[in-house]
Amino acid sequence: MTLRKVMKNKRIFPSDDAAFKLIYLALQNISKKWTLPIRDWKPALARFMIEFEGRV
């Protein structure tokens, strides 16, 4: 819901990268409010380590 609100305020983006950056920054702010632990994080993290080898 919060992410949708952020995207609704700005409807036109100069490029795809601008949209991705806005989503990334919004998720950074939204994630500070999350209190529950992420379900099944360890398998997901293991998969990310395989997929994005040098970046995680």
Protein backbone atom coordinates (compact mmCIF):
# COMPACT_ATOMS: atom_id res chain seq x y z
CA MET A 1 0.00 0.00 0.00
CA THR A 2 2.78 2.41 0.90
CA LEU A 3 4.72 1.63 -2.25
CA ARG A 4 1.62 2.23 -4.34
CA LYS A 5 1.16 5.61 -2.66
CA VAL A 6 4.73 6.60 -3.55
CA MET A 7 4.27 5.58 -7.19
CA LYS A 8 0.91 7.36 -7.44
CA ASN A 9 2.42 10.73 -6.56
CA LYS A 10 4.79 10.65 -9.54
CA ARG A 11 3.27 9.09 -12.64
CA ILE A 12 5.80 9.97 -15.35
CA PHE A 13 9.45 8.94 -15.12
CA PRO A 14 12.22 10.10 -17.48
CA SER A 15 13.65 6.58 -17.63
CA ASP A 16 13.25 3.09 -16.22
CA ASP A 17 16.23 3.69 -13.95
CA ALA A 18 14.45 6.65 -12.36
CA ALA A 19 11.46 4.44 -11.54
CA PHE A 20 13.71 1.71 -10.12
CA LYS A 21 15.56 4.22 -7.96
CA LEU A 22 12.30 5.60 -6.58
CA ILE A 23 11.09 2.08 -5.75
CA TYR A 24 14.42 1.21 -4.13
CA LEU A 25 14.45 4.33 -1.95
CA ALA A 26 10.80 3.83 -0.99
CA LEU A 27 11.52 0.24 0.04
CA GLN A 28 14.43 1.42 2.16
CA ASN A 29 12.11 3.77 4.07
CA ILE A 30 9.26 1.24 4.28
CA SER A 31 11.50 -1.55 5.56
CA LYS A 32 12.41 0.51 8.65
CA LYS A 33 8.80 0.11 9.79
CA TRP A 34 8.69 -3.66 9.38
CA THR A 35 8.78 -5.50 12.70
CA LEU A 36 8.10 -9.14 11.81
CA PRO A 37 11.01 -11.36 10.79
CA ILE A 38 11.10 -12.35 7.13
CA ARG A 39 9.80 -15.87 6.53
CA ASP A 40 12.16 -18.35 4.89
CA TRP A 41 14.95 -15.77 4.69
CA LYS A 42 17.84 -18.25 4.89
CA PRO A 43 16.88 -20.20 1.72
CA ALA A 44 16.18 -16.94 -0.09
CA LEU A 45 19.54 -15.50 0.97
CA ALA A 46 21.30 -18.67 -0.19
CA ARG A 47 19.59 -18.35 -3.58
CA PHE A 48 20.57 -14.67 -3.82
CA MET A 49 24.17 -15.61 -3.08
CA ILE A 50 24.09 -18.01 -6.04
CA GLU A 51 22.29 -15.66 -8.43
CA PHE A 52 24.12 -12.44 -7.55
CA GLU A 53 27.50 -13.86 -6.67
CA GLY A 54 29.62 -10.74 -6.29
CA ARG A 55 26.93 -8.35 -5.08
CA VAL A 56 25.45 -9.94 -1.94
